N, C-alpha and C. Protein backbone atom coordinates (compact mmCIF):
# COMPACT_ATOMS: atom_id res chain seq x y z
N MET A 1 29.01 33.03 73.16
CA MET A 1 30.10 32.61 72.31
C MET A 1 29.88 31.16 71.91
N HIS A 2 30.07 30.88 70.62
CA HIS A 2 29.89 29.52 70.11
C HIS A 2 31.20 28.76 70.23
N THR A 3 31.06 27.48 70.47
CA THR A 3 32.24 26.62 70.50
C THR A 3 32.15 25.64 69.34
N LEU A 4 33.29 25.20 68.89
CA LEU A 4 33.34 24.26 67.78
C LEU A 4 32.86 22.88 68.22
N THR A 5 32.19 22.18 67.31
CA THR A 5 31.77 20.82 67.58
C THR A 5 33.01 19.94 67.52
N PRO A 6 33.23 19.09 68.53
CA PRO A 6 34.44 18.26 68.54
C PRO A 6 34.53 17.37 67.30
N GLY A 7 35.69 17.33 66.70
CA GLY A 7 35.96 16.44 65.59
C GLY A 7 35.54 16.97 64.22
N THR A 8 34.66 17.99 64.15
CA THR A 8 34.22 18.46 62.84
C THR A 8 34.69 19.86 62.53
N GLY A 9 34.91 20.66 63.55
CA GLY A 9 35.32 22.04 63.32
C GLY A 9 34.17 22.93 62.88
N LEU A 10 32.92 22.47 63.06
CA LEU A 10 31.75 23.24 62.65
C LEU A 10 31.07 23.88 63.85
N LEU A 11 30.50 25.05 63.62
CA LEU A 11 29.71 25.70 64.65
C LEU A 11 28.30 25.13 64.63
N PRO A 12 27.65 24.98 65.79
CA PRO A 12 26.28 24.48 65.79
C PRO A 12 25.33 25.53 65.22
N LEU A 13 24.27 25.08 64.57
CA LEU A 13 23.25 25.98 64.04
C LEU A 13 22.33 26.43 65.15
N THR A 14 21.91 27.68 65.06
CA THR A 14 20.91 28.16 66.01
C THR A 14 19.54 27.74 65.51
N PRO A 15 18.64 27.36 66.40
CA PRO A 15 17.30 26.95 65.97
C PRO A 15 16.60 28.11 65.26
N TYR A 16 15.87 27.78 64.19
CA TYR A 16 15.16 28.81 63.45
C TYR A 16 13.84 28.26 62.96
N GLU A 17 12.79 28.99 63.19
CA GLU A 17 11.47 28.70 62.64
C GLU A 17 11.03 29.94 61.89
N PRO A 18 10.66 29.82 60.61
CA PRO A 18 10.24 30.99 59.85
C PRO A 18 8.94 31.56 60.39
N ALA A 19 8.77 32.85 60.23
CA ALA A 19 7.55 33.51 60.69
C ALA A 19 6.39 33.11 59.80
N ARG A 20 5.25 32.91 60.41
CA ARG A 20 4.04 32.65 59.62
C ARG A 20 3.51 33.99 59.15
N HIS A 21 2.84 33.97 58.01
CA HIS A 21 2.31 35.20 57.42
C HIS A 21 1.46 35.95 58.45
N GLY A 22 1.85 37.16 58.74
CA GLY A 22 1.09 38.00 59.66
C GLY A 22 1.42 37.79 61.13
N HIS A 23 2.30 36.83 61.45
CA HIS A 23 2.66 36.56 62.84
C HIS A 23 4.18 36.61 62.98
N PRO A 24 4.76 37.78 63.19
CA PRO A 24 6.21 37.86 63.30
C PRO A 24 6.71 37.17 64.57
N LEU A 25 7.90 36.62 64.49
CA LEU A 25 8.52 35.99 65.65
C LEU A 25 9.17 37.06 66.52
N PRO A 26 9.36 36.75 67.79
CA PRO A 26 10.07 37.71 68.64
C PRO A 26 11.49 37.94 68.12
N ALA A 27 11.98 39.13 68.33
CA ALA A 27 13.31 39.51 67.83
C ALA A 27 14.39 38.63 68.46
N ARG A 28 15.36 38.24 67.66
CA ARG A 28 16.50 37.46 68.13
C ARG A 28 17.75 38.32 68.02
N GLU A 29 18.73 37.89 68.71
CA GLU A 29 20.00 38.60 68.69
C GLU A 29 20.68 38.38 67.34
N THR A 30 20.98 39.46 66.63
CA THR A 30 21.70 39.37 65.35
C THR A 30 22.86 40.34 65.37
N THR A 31 23.84 40.01 64.58
CA THR A 31 25.00 40.88 64.45
C THR A 31 24.58 42.16 63.73
N ALA A 32 25.15 43.29 64.12
CA ALA A 32 24.79 44.57 63.51
C ALA A 32 25.02 44.51 62.01
N GLY A 33 24.02 44.95 61.25
CA GLY A 33 24.12 44.98 59.80
C GLY A 33 23.78 43.66 59.12
N GLN A 34 23.50 42.62 59.90
CA GLN A 34 23.18 41.32 59.32
C GLN A 34 21.68 41.24 59.02
N LEU A 35 21.35 40.78 57.82
CA LEU A 35 19.95 40.59 57.46
C LEU A 35 19.48 39.22 57.92
N THR A 36 18.24 39.15 58.33
CA THR A 36 17.66 37.85 58.65
C THR A 36 16.87 37.37 57.44
N LEU A 37 16.55 36.10 57.44
CA LEU A 37 15.76 35.55 56.34
C LEU A 37 14.40 36.24 56.25
N ASP A 38 13.80 36.57 57.39
CA ASP A 38 12.51 37.25 57.38
C ASP A 38 12.62 38.62 56.72
N ASP A 39 13.74 39.33 56.93
CA ASP A 39 13.94 40.63 56.29
C ASP A 39 14.01 40.48 54.77
N LEU A 40 14.72 39.46 54.32
CA LEU A 40 14.84 39.24 52.88
C LEU A 40 13.50 38.83 52.26
N LEU A 41 12.76 37.96 52.93
CA LEU A 41 11.48 37.51 52.40
C LEU A 41 10.45 38.63 52.37
N ALA A 42 10.56 39.58 53.28
CA ALA A 42 9.60 40.69 53.31
C ALA A 42 9.76 41.59 52.09
N GLU A 43 10.94 41.59 51.46
CA GLU A 43 11.18 42.43 50.29
C GLU A 43 10.62 41.83 49.00
N ILE A 44 10.27 40.56 49.01
CA ILE A 44 9.76 39.90 47.80
C ILE A 44 8.26 40.15 47.72
N PRO A 45 7.80 40.81 46.65
CA PRO A 45 6.36 41.06 46.53
C PRO A 45 5.62 39.77 46.20
N PRO A 46 4.41 39.61 46.70
CA PRO A 46 3.64 38.42 46.36
C PRO A 46 3.26 38.43 44.89
N ARG A 47 3.10 37.25 44.29
CA ARG A 47 2.73 37.16 42.88
C ARG A 47 1.33 37.71 42.65
N HIS A 48 0.46 37.45 43.57
CA HIS A 48 -0.88 38.03 43.53
C HIS A 48 -1.41 38.04 44.95
N LYS A 49 -2.38 38.87 45.20
CA LYS A 49 -2.89 39.00 46.56
C LYS A 49 -3.68 37.76 46.94
N ALA A 50 -3.52 37.35 48.19
CA ALA A 50 -4.25 36.19 48.68
C ALA A 50 -5.74 36.43 48.56
N GLY A 51 -6.44 35.43 48.12
CA GLY A 51 -7.89 35.56 47.97
C GLY A 51 -8.32 36.15 46.64
N GLN A 52 -7.39 36.71 45.89
CA GLN A 52 -7.71 37.30 44.59
C GLN A 52 -7.75 36.18 43.55
N ALA A 53 -8.85 36.10 42.82
CA ALA A 53 -9.00 35.04 41.83
C ALA A 53 -8.11 35.30 40.61
N LEU A 54 -7.45 34.26 40.17
CA LEU A 54 -6.62 34.36 38.96
C LEU A 54 -7.52 34.22 37.74
N PRO A 55 -7.14 34.85 36.63
CA PRO A 55 -7.93 34.66 35.42
C PRO A 55 -7.87 33.20 34.98
N VAL A 56 -8.95 32.73 34.42
CA VAL A 56 -9.06 31.34 34.00
C VAL A 56 -8.33 31.14 32.67
N LEU A 57 -7.61 30.07 32.57
CA LEU A 57 -6.97 29.68 31.32
C LEU A 57 -7.76 28.47 30.82
N GLU A 58 -8.67 28.71 29.90
CA GLU A 58 -9.60 27.68 29.46
C GLU A 58 -8.90 26.61 28.63
N ARG A 59 -9.50 25.43 28.60
CA ARG A 59 -8.93 24.31 27.86
C ARG A 59 -8.82 24.63 26.36
N ARG A 60 -9.79 25.37 25.84
CA ARG A 60 -9.75 25.74 24.42
C ARG A 60 -8.53 26.62 24.13
N THR A 61 -8.24 27.56 25.05
CA THR A 61 -7.06 28.41 24.89
C THR A 61 -5.78 27.59 25.00
N LEU A 62 -5.75 26.66 25.98
CA LEU A 62 -4.59 25.77 26.11
C LEU A 62 -4.37 24.99 24.82
N HIS A 63 -5.44 24.50 24.24
CA HIS A 63 -5.34 23.73 22.99
C HIS A 63 -4.73 24.59 21.87
N LYS A 64 -5.19 25.84 21.76
CA LYS A 64 -4.67 26.73 20.71
C LYS A 64 -3.19 27.04 20.92
N VAL A 65 -2.81 27.32 22.17
CA VAL A 65 -1.41 27.65 22.46
C VAL A 65 -0.52 26.43 22.24
N LEU A 66 -0.96 25.26 22.71
CA LEU A 66 -0.16 24.05 22.51
C LEU A 66 -0.03 23.70 21.02
N THR A 67 -1.10 23.92 20.25
CA THR A 67 -1.02 23.68 18.81
C THR A 67 0.00 24.61 18.17
N ALA A 68 -0.01 25.88 18.57
CA ALA A 68 0.97 26.83 18.03
C ALA A 68 2.39 26.45 18.45
N LEU A 69 2.56 25.98 19.69
CA LEU A 69 3.88 25.54 20.14
C LEU A 69 4.35 24.32 19.34
N LEU A 70 3.44 23.42 19.02
CA LEU A 70 3.80 22.27 18.18
C LEU A 70 4.24 22.72 16.80
N GLU A 71 3.57 23.74 16.26
CA GLU A 71 3.96 24.26 14.95
C GLU A 71 5.34 24.90 15.00
N VAL A 72 5.66 25.59 16.10
CA VAL A 72 7.01 26.14 16.28
C VAL A 72 8.01 24.99 16.37
N HIS A 73 7.68 23.98 17.16
CA HIS A 73 8.55 22.81 17.35
C HIS A 73 8.84 22.12 16.01
N ALA A 74 7.84 22.07 15.15
CA ALA A 74 8.00 21.41 13.85
C ALA A 74 8.61 22.32 12.79
N GLY A 75 8.89 23.59 13.14
CA GLY A 75 9.49 24.52 12.18
C GLY A 75 8.49 25.11 11.20
N ARG A 76 7.22 25.06 11.52
CA ARG A 76 6.19 25.56 10.61
C ARG A 76 5.63 26.92 11.03
N ARG A 77 6.09 27.46 12.14
CA ARG A 77 5.62 28.76 12.62
C ARG A 77 6.79 29.46 13.30
N PRO A 78 6.95 30.77 13.09
CA PRO A 78 8.02 31.50 13.79
C PRO A 78 7.67 31.67 15.27
N VAL A 79 8.67 31.52 16.11
CA VAL A 79 8.45 31.62 17.55
C VAL A 79 7.98 33.02 17.95
N ALA A 80 8.30 34.03 17.16
CA ALA A 80 7.91 35.41 17.48
C ALA A 80 6.39 35.57 17.56
N GLN A 81 5.64 34.72 16.88
CA GLN A 81 4.19 34.82 16.93
C GLN A 81 3.62 34.44 18.29
N LEU A 82 4.41 33.77 19.11
CA LEU A 82 3.95 33.38 20.45
C LEU A 82 4.59 34.23 21.54
N GLY A 83 5.17 35.35 21.17
CA GLY A 83 5.93 36.16 22.11
C GLY A 83 5.27 36.42 23.44
N ARG A 84 4.02 36.81 23.46
CA ARG A 84 3.39 37.17 24.72
C ARG A 84 3.06 35.95 25.59
N TRP A 85 3.04 34.76 25.00
CA TRP A 85 2.72 33.55 25.75
C TRP A 85 3.95 32.88 26.35
N LEU A 86 5.15 33.28 25.96
CA LEU A 86 6.36 32.59 26.38
C LEU A 86 7.19 33.42 27.33
N THR A 87 7.85 32.75 28.27
CA THR A 87 8.84 33.44 29.09
C THR A 87 10.06 33.70 28.21
N PRO A 88 10.88 34.69 28.56
CA PRO A 88 12.07 34.95 27.74
C PRO A 88 12.98 33.73 27.58
N ALA A 89 13.13 32.94 28.64
CA ALA A 89 14.00 31.76 28.55
C ALA A 89 13.46 30.74 27.56
N LEU A 90 12.16 30.47 27.61
CA LEU A 90 11.57 29.51 26.68
C LEU A 90 11.59 30.06 25.25
N HIS A 91 11.38 31.35 25.11
CA HIS A 91 11.43 31.98 23.79
C HIS A 91 12.81 31.78 23.16
N ARG A 92 13.88 32.02 23.95
CA ARG A 92 15.25 31.82 23.46
C ARG A 92 15.50 30.36 23.09
N THR A 93 15.03 29.45 23.94
CA THR A 93 15.24 28.02 23.69
C THR A 93 14.60 27.59 22.38
N LEU A 94 13.35 27.99 22.17
CA LEU A 94 12.65 27.62 20.94
C LEU A 94 13.26 28.31 19.72
N ARG A 95 13.68 29.56 19.88
CA ARG A 95 14.26 30.31 18.77
C ARG A 95 15.60 29.70 18.33
N ASP A 96 16.38 29.24 19.29
CA ASP A 96 17.72 28.74 18.99
C ASP A 96 17.73 27.33 18.40
N ARG A 97 16.62 26.63 18.46
CA ARG A 97 16.56 25.31 17.84
C ARG A 97 16.51 25.48 16.33
N CYS A 98 17.45 24.86 15.63
CA CYS A 98 17.43 24.92 14.17
C CYS A 98 16.44 23.90 13.67
N ARG A 99 15.41 24.36 13.04
CA ARG A 99 14.36 23.47 12.54
C ARG A 99 14.10 23.75 11.08
N THR A 100 14.01 22.70 10.32
CA THR A 100 13.49 22.82 8.96
C THR A 100 12.07 22.30 9.02
N PRO A 101 11.20 22.85 8.20
CA PRO A 101 9.82 22.38 8.28
C PRO A 101 9.75 20.86 8.20
N GLY A 102 9.11 20.29 9.21
CA GLY A 102 9.04 18.84 9.30
C GLY A 102 7.61 18.36 9.37
N GLN A 103 7.44 17.35 10.17
CA GLN A 103 6.13 16.72 10.27
C GLN A 103 5.08 17.66 10.84
N ARG A 104 3.86 17.43 10.44
CA ARG A 104 2.74 18.24 10.91
C ARG A 104 2.03 17.46 12.02
N TYR A 105 1.94 18.08 13.18
CA TYR A 105 1.28 17.46 14.33
C TYR A 105 -0.19 17.86 14.37
N THR A 106 -1.02 16.94 14.84
CA THR A 106 -2.42 17.23 15.11
C THR A 106 -2.66 16.95 16.58
N LEU A 107 -3.00 17.98 17.33
CA LEU A 107 -3.24 17.83 18.77
C LEU A 107 -4.69 17.41 18.96
N ARG A 108 -4.89 16.23 19.53
CA ARG A 108 -6.26 15.72 19.65
C ARG A 108 -6.85 15.93 21.03
N ARG A 109 -6.09 15.70 22.06
CA ARG A 109 -6.62 15.83 23.42
C ARG A 109 -5.68 16.69 24.26
N VAL A 110 -6.28 17.44 25.17
CA VAL A 110 -5.51 18.26 26.11
C VAL A 110 -6.08 18.04 27.50
N TYR A 111 -5.19 17.82 28.46
CA TYR A 111 -5.57 17.67 29.86
C TYR A 111 -4.82 18.72 30.65
N SER A 112 -5.41 19.18 31.74
CA SER A 112 -4.72 20.18 32.56
C SER A 112 -4.96 19.91 34.03
N SER A 113 -4.03 20.40 34.84
CA SER A 113 -4.16 20.31 36.30
C SER A 113 -3.52 21.55 36.91
N ARG A 114 -3.88 21.82 38.15
CA ARG A 114 -3.32 22.95 38.89
C ARG A 114 -2.51 22.41 40.05
N PRO A 115 -1.20 22.20 39.86
CA PRO A 115 -0.38 21.65 40.95
C PRO A 115 -0.12 22.66 42.06
N ALA A 116 -0.25 23.94 41.75
CA ALA A 116 -0.02 24.99 42.74
C ALA A 116 -0.82 26.22 42.34
N ASP A 117 -1.03 27.10 43.30
CA ASP A 117 -1.73 28.34 43.01
C ASP A 117 -0.88 29.14 42.03
N GLY A 118 -1.46 29.57 40.94
CA GLY A 118 -0.73 30.35 39.95
C GLY A 118 0.03 29.52 38.95
N ALA A 119 -0.26 28.21 38.89
CA ALA A 119 0.42 27.33 37.92
C ALA A 119 -0.58 26.36 37.31
N ILE A 120 -0.42 26.10 36.04
CA ILE A 120 -1.22 25.10 35.33
C ILE A 120 -0.25 24.23 34.54
N GLU A 121 -0.39 22.93 34.70
CA GLU A 121 0.39 22.00 33.90
C GLU A 121 -0.55 21.33 32.92
N ALA A 122 -0.15 21.29 31.67
CA ALA A 122 -0.99 20.73 30.62
C ALA A 122 -0.24 19.63 29.90
N CYS A 123 -0.98 18.64 29.46
CA CYS A 123 -0.40 17.60 28.63
C CYS A 123 -1.41 17.25 27.55
N GLY A 124 -0.92 16.68 26.50
CA GLY A 124 -1.81 16.32 25.41
C GLY A 124 -1.22 15.21 24.58
N ILE A 125 -2.03 14.75 23.65
CA ILE A 125 -1.61 13.70 22.74
C ILE A 125 -1.64 14.28 21.34
N ALA A 126 -0.47 14.30 20.70
CA ALA A 126 -0.36 14.82 19.34
C ALA A 126 -0.10 13.65 18.40
N HIS A 127 -0.69 13.71 17.24
CA HIS A 127 -0.53 12.65 16.25
C HIS A 127 0.11 13.21 14.99
N THR A 128 0.94 12.39 14.37
CA THR A 128 1.47 12.68 13.05
C THR A 128 1.51 11.35 12.32
N GLY A 129 0.72 11.25 11.28
CA GLY A 129 0.60 9.97 10.60
C GLY A 129 -0.01 8.95 11.55
N GLU A 130 0.68 7.84 11.73
CA GLU A 130 0.19 6.79 12.61
C GLU A 130 0.84 6.83 13.98
N ARG A 131 1.70 7.80 14.25
CA ARG A 131 2.43 7.89 15.52
C ARG A 131 1.75 8.86 16.46
N ALA A 132 1.85 8.56 17.74
CA ALA A 132 1.32 9.45 18.78
C ALA A 132 2.48 9.91 19.65
N PHE A 133 2.43 11.18 20.07
CA PHE A 133 3.47 11.78 20.89
C PHE A 133 2.83 12.47 22.09
N ALA A 134 3.53 12.45 23.20
CA ALA A 134 3.06 13.18 24.38
C ALA A 134 3.60 14.60 24.32
N VAL A 135 2.75 15.55 24.66
CA VAL A 135 3.11 16.97 24.68
C VAL A 135 2.90 17.46 26.10
N THR A 136 3.88 18.19 26.65
CA THR A 136 3.75 18.71 28.00
C THR A 136 4.08 20.20 28.02
N ALA A 137 3.43 20.91 28.93
CA ALA A 137 3.70 22.35 29.08
C ALA A 137 3.33 22.78 30.49
N ARG A 138 3.98 23.83 30.94
CA ARG A 138 3.65 24.43 32.24
C ARG A 138 3.42 25.91 32.01
N PHE A 139 2.34 26.42 32.58
CA PHE A 139 2.00 27.83 32.50
C PHE A 139 1.99 28.39 33.92
N GLU A 140 2.56 29.58 34.08
CA GLU A 140 2.56 30.26 35.38
C GLU A 140 1.99 31.66 35.20
N HIS A 141 1.27 32.10 36.21
CA HIS A 141 0.69 33.44 36.17
C HIS A 141 1.74 34.41 36.68
N ARG A 142 2.23 35.25 35.77
CA ARG A 142 3.28 36.23 36.10
C ARG A 142 2.91 37.57 35.49
N ALA A 143 3.15 38.61 36.23
CA ALA A 143 2.94 39.98 35.74
C ALA A 143 1.55 40.17 35.15
N GLY A 144 0.56 39.57 35.79
CA GLY A 144 -0.83 39.79 35.39
C GLY A 144 -1.30 38.97 34.20
N ARG A 145 -0.51 37.97 33.75
CA ARG A 145 -0.95 37.15 32.62
C ARG A 145 -0.31 35.76 32.72
N TRP A 146 -0.85 34.84 31.96
CA TRP A 146 -0.31 33.49 31.92
C TRP A 146 0.84 33.42 30.93
N SER A 147 1.94 32.76 31.34
CA SER A 147 3.10 32.57 30.47
C SER A 147 3.52 31.11 30.50
N CYS A 148 3.91 30.60 29.35
CA CYS A 148 4.40 29.23 29.26
C CYS A 148 5.87 29.22 29.69
N THR A 149 6.18 28.43 30.71
CA THR A 149 7.54 28.37 31.22
C THR A 149 8.28 27.12 30.76
N TYR A 150 7.53 26.11 30.31
CA TYR A 150 8.15 24.87 29.83
C TYR A 150 7.29 24.28 28.73
N PHE A 151 7.94 23.72 27.72
CA PHE A 151 7.24 23.01 26.65
C PHE A 151 8.11 21.85 26.20
N GLY A 152 7.51 20.69 26.03
CA GLY A 152 8.27 19.54 25.57
C GLY A 152 7.41 18.58 24.77
N VAL A 153 8.04 17.90 23.83
CA VAL A 153 7.40 16.85 23.05
C VAL A 153 8.22 15.59 23.29
N LEU A 154 7.57 14.56 23.80
CA LEU A 154 8.26 13.29 24.05
C LEU A 154 8.20 12.45 22.79
N GLU A 155 9.34 12.34 22.13
CA GLU A 155 9.43 11.61 20.87
C GLU A 155 10.19 10.31 21.10
N PRO A 156 10.03 9.35 20.21
CA PRO A 156 10.78 8.09 20.35
C PRO A 156 12.28 8.36 20.37
N SER A 157 13.03 7.48 21.02
CA SER A 157 14.48 7.67 21.11
C SER A 157 15.10 7.73 19.72
N GLY A 158 16.12 8.55 19.61
CA GLY A 158 16.78 8.75 18.33
C GLY A 158 16.20 9.89 17.52
N ARG A 159 15.06 10.45 17.95
CA ARG A 159 14.44 11.54 17.21
C ARG A 159 14.23 12.76 18.09
N ARG A 160 14.82 12.77 19.26
CA ARG A 160 14.63 13.89 20.17
C ARG A 160 15.37 15.13 19.71
N ALA A 161 14.75 16.29 20.01
CA ALA A 161 15.38 17.56 19.64
C ALA A 161 16.30 18.03 20.72
């Protein structure tokens, strides 16, 4: 039986260490019908099997996708043309932005990094006239393919979308 902590009215937490992959912890006393965190985590399928190589997302492909995203951002391309590359949330965000055809961006450089397994973050420098803008995007490997989950253009203050 648990007792209340004096002065706070809170019950103390029971110590918990999550199970390591493949090494279940010994069973603990739980209330009948109560799920443990390990039970819930066991129901989540892995994104890909450990040790399985992810398909490569080449810099040339990143450049093409970022260029197309810039064209959508500038109102020069319909977002539907990028359907397979975008998550539904990003697709809705880009679609809902009211854009009239504006400035034409030229993407000159693209850099990428892998901050986590199954994720690629890309940035680039886009030019329009004499101005330079930073472009950022995040791609995640989902459902057997790469999808863009975030896209942004850092514009001078007063011109942000």
